Amino acid sequence: MYAANCARCHGAQGIGGIGPSLVDVAATFPDVENQITFVSNGGGGMPAFAGQLSDADIQNVAAYVSQNAGK
């Protein structure tokens, strides 16, 4: 899910590219629900993924990023 929807902007390891690094996503979004809301609604240069991805897919992406960005 991450590779198909996020990596083109945030890089394969989440260290950034067109979009910002996700390595410190926990510092920006200490509550994973805030991260889920941001992915759903978008903001800044990030598109909204609500309607494109299911709620479960968005939750899975948020969990994946929290555990794997920068690795």
C-alpha atoms as a PDB file:
ATOM      1  CA  MET A   1       0.000   0.000   0.000  1.00  0.00           C
ATOM      2  CA  TYR A   2       2.815   2.417   0.898  1.00  0.00           C
ATOM      3  CA  ALA A   3       4.803   1.574  -2.241  1.00  0.00           C
ATOM      4  CA  ALA A   4       1.797   2.105  -4.500  1.00  0.00           C
ATOM      5  CA  ASN A   5       0.508   5.337  -2.945  1.00  0.00           C
ATOM      6  CA  CYS A   6       3.199   7.094  -0.918  1.00  0.00           C
ATOM      7  CA  ALA A   7       6.688   6.146  -2.110  1.00  0.00           C
ATOM      8  CA  ARG A   8       6.585   8.235  -5.291  1.00  0.00           C
ATOM      9  CA  CYS A   9       6.568  11.398  -3.149  1.00  0.00           C
ATOM     10  CA  HIS A  10       8.059  10.312   0.187  1.00  0.00           C
ATOM     11  CA  GLY A  11      10.655   7.843  -1.127  1.00  0.00           C
ATOM     12  CA  ALA A  12      10.840   4.077  -0.791  1.00  0.00           C
ATOM     13  CA  GLN A  13      12.170   4.302   2.773  1.00  0.00           C
ATOM     14  CA  GLY A  14      10.163   7.394   3.690  1.00  0.00           C
ATOM     15  CA  ILE A  15      13.207   9.651   3.814  1.00  0.00           C
ATOM     16  CA  GLY A  16      11.702  12.185   1.437  1.00  0.00           C
ATOM     17  CA  GLY A  17      11.758  13.151  -2.185  1.00  0.00           C
ATOM     18  CA  ILE A  18       9.125  15.389  -3.740  1.00  0.00           C
ATOM     19  CA  GLY A  19       7.325  15.145  -0.396  1.00  0.00           C
ATOM     20  CA  PRO A  20       8.893  15.512   3.039  1.00  0.00           C
ATOM     21  CA  SER A  21      10.656  12.844   5.057  1.00  0.00           C
ATOM     22  CA  LEU A  22       8.393  10.676   7.181  1.00  0.00           C
ATOM     23  CA  VAL A  23      11.176   9.604   9.537  1.00  0.00           C
ATOM     24  CA  ASP A  24       9.920  11.882  12.320  1.00  0.00           C
ATOM     25  CA  VAL A  25       6.225  11.353  11.632  1.00  0.00           C
ATOM     26  CA  ALA A  26       5.667  10.398  15.276  1.00  0.00           C
ATOM     27  CA  ALA A  27       6.997  13.802  16.367  1.00  0.00           C
ATOM     28  CA  THR A  28       4.660  15.583  13.956  1.00  0.00           C
ATOM     29  CA  PHE A  29       1.714  13.295  14.691  1.00  0.00           C
ATOM     30  CA  PRO A  30       2.224  11.804  18.181  1.00  0.00           C
ATOM     31  CA  ASP A  31      -1.361  10.535  18.071  1.00  0.00           C
ATOM     32  CA  VAL A  32      -1.747   8.114  15.150  1.00  0.00           C
ATOM     33  CA  GLU A  33      -5.354   9.286  14.743  1.00  0.00           C
ATOM     34  CA  ASN A  34      -4.004  12.713  13.710  1.00  0.00           C
ATOM     35  CA  GLN A  35      -1.815  11.035  11.101  1.00  0.00           C
ATOM     36  CA  ILE A  36      -4.799   9.081   9.802  1.00  0.00           C
ATOM     37  CA  THR A  37      -6.833  12.292   9.572  1.00  0.00           C
ATOM     38  CA  PHE A  38      -4.024  14.022   7.647  1.00  0.00           C
ATOM     39  CA  VAL A  39      -3.656  11.153   5.181  1.00  0.00           C
ATOM     40  CA  SER A  40      -7.440  11.079   4.744  1.00  0.00           C
ATOM     41  CA  ASN A  41      -7.927  14.827   4.271  1.00  0.00           C
ATOM     42  CA  GLY A  42      -4.555  15.887   2.858  1.00  0.00           C
ATOM     43  CA  GLY A  43      -2.991  19.279   3.438  1.00  0.00           C
ATOM     44  CA  GLY A  44      -0.191  21.460   2.169  1.00  0.00           C
ATOM     45  CA  GLY A  45       0.976  19.696  -0.987  1.00  0.00           C
ATOM     46  CA  MET A  46      -0.357  16.294   0.033  1.00  0.00           C
ATOM     47  CA  PRO A  47      -3.499  15.026  -1.669  1.00  0.00           C
ATOM     48  CA  ALA A  48      -6.423  13.605   0.281  1.00  0.00           C
ATOM     49  CA  PHE A  49      -6.658   9.827   0.145  1.00  0.00           C
ATOM     50  CA  ALA A  50     -10.168   9.491   1.589  1.00  0.00           C
ATOM     51  CA  GLY A  51     -12.290   8.031  -1.176  1.00  0.00           C
ATOM     52  CA  GLN A  52      -9.203   6.637  -2.924  1.00  0.00           C
ATOM     53  CA  LEU A  53      -8.186   4.261  -0.136  1.00  0.00           C
ATOM     54  CA  SER A  54     -10.391   2.489   2.372  1.00  0.00           C
ATOM     55  CA  ASP A  55     -10.280   3.493   6.034  1.00  0.00           C
ATOM     56  CA  ALA A  56      -8.490   0.206   6.761  1.00  0.00           C
ATOM     57  CA  ASP A  57      -5.890   0.904   4.060  1.00  0.00           C
ATOM     58  CA  ILE A  58      -5.236   4.385   5.470  1.00  0.00           C
ATOM     59  CA  GLN A  59      -4.846   2.921   8.970  1.00  0.00           C
ATOM     60  CA  ASN A  60      -2.439   0.314   7.606  1.00  0.00           C
ATOM     61  CA  VAL A  61      -0.369   2.971   5.830  1.00  0.00           C
ATOM     62  CA  ALA A  62      -0.176   5.042   9.013  1.00  0.00           C
ATOM     63  CA  ALA A  63       0.939   2.008  11.019  1.00  0.00           C
ATOM     64  CA  TYR A  64       3.484   1.086   8.352  1.00  0.00           C
ATOM     65  CA  VAL A  65       4.955   4.596   8.239  1.00  0.00           C
ATOM     66  CA  SER A  66       5.158   4.802  12.033  1.00  0.00           C
ATOM     67  CA  GLN A  67       7.074   1.519  12.185  1.00  0.00           C
ATOM     68  CA  ASN A  68       9.188   1.659   9.028  1.00  0.00           C
ATOM     69  CA  ALA A  69      10.032   5.194   7.882  1.00  0.00           C
ATOM     70  CA  GLY A  70      13.768   5.583   7.514  1.00  0.00           C
ATOM     71  CA  LYS A  71      14.543   1.871   7.733  1.00  0.00           C
END
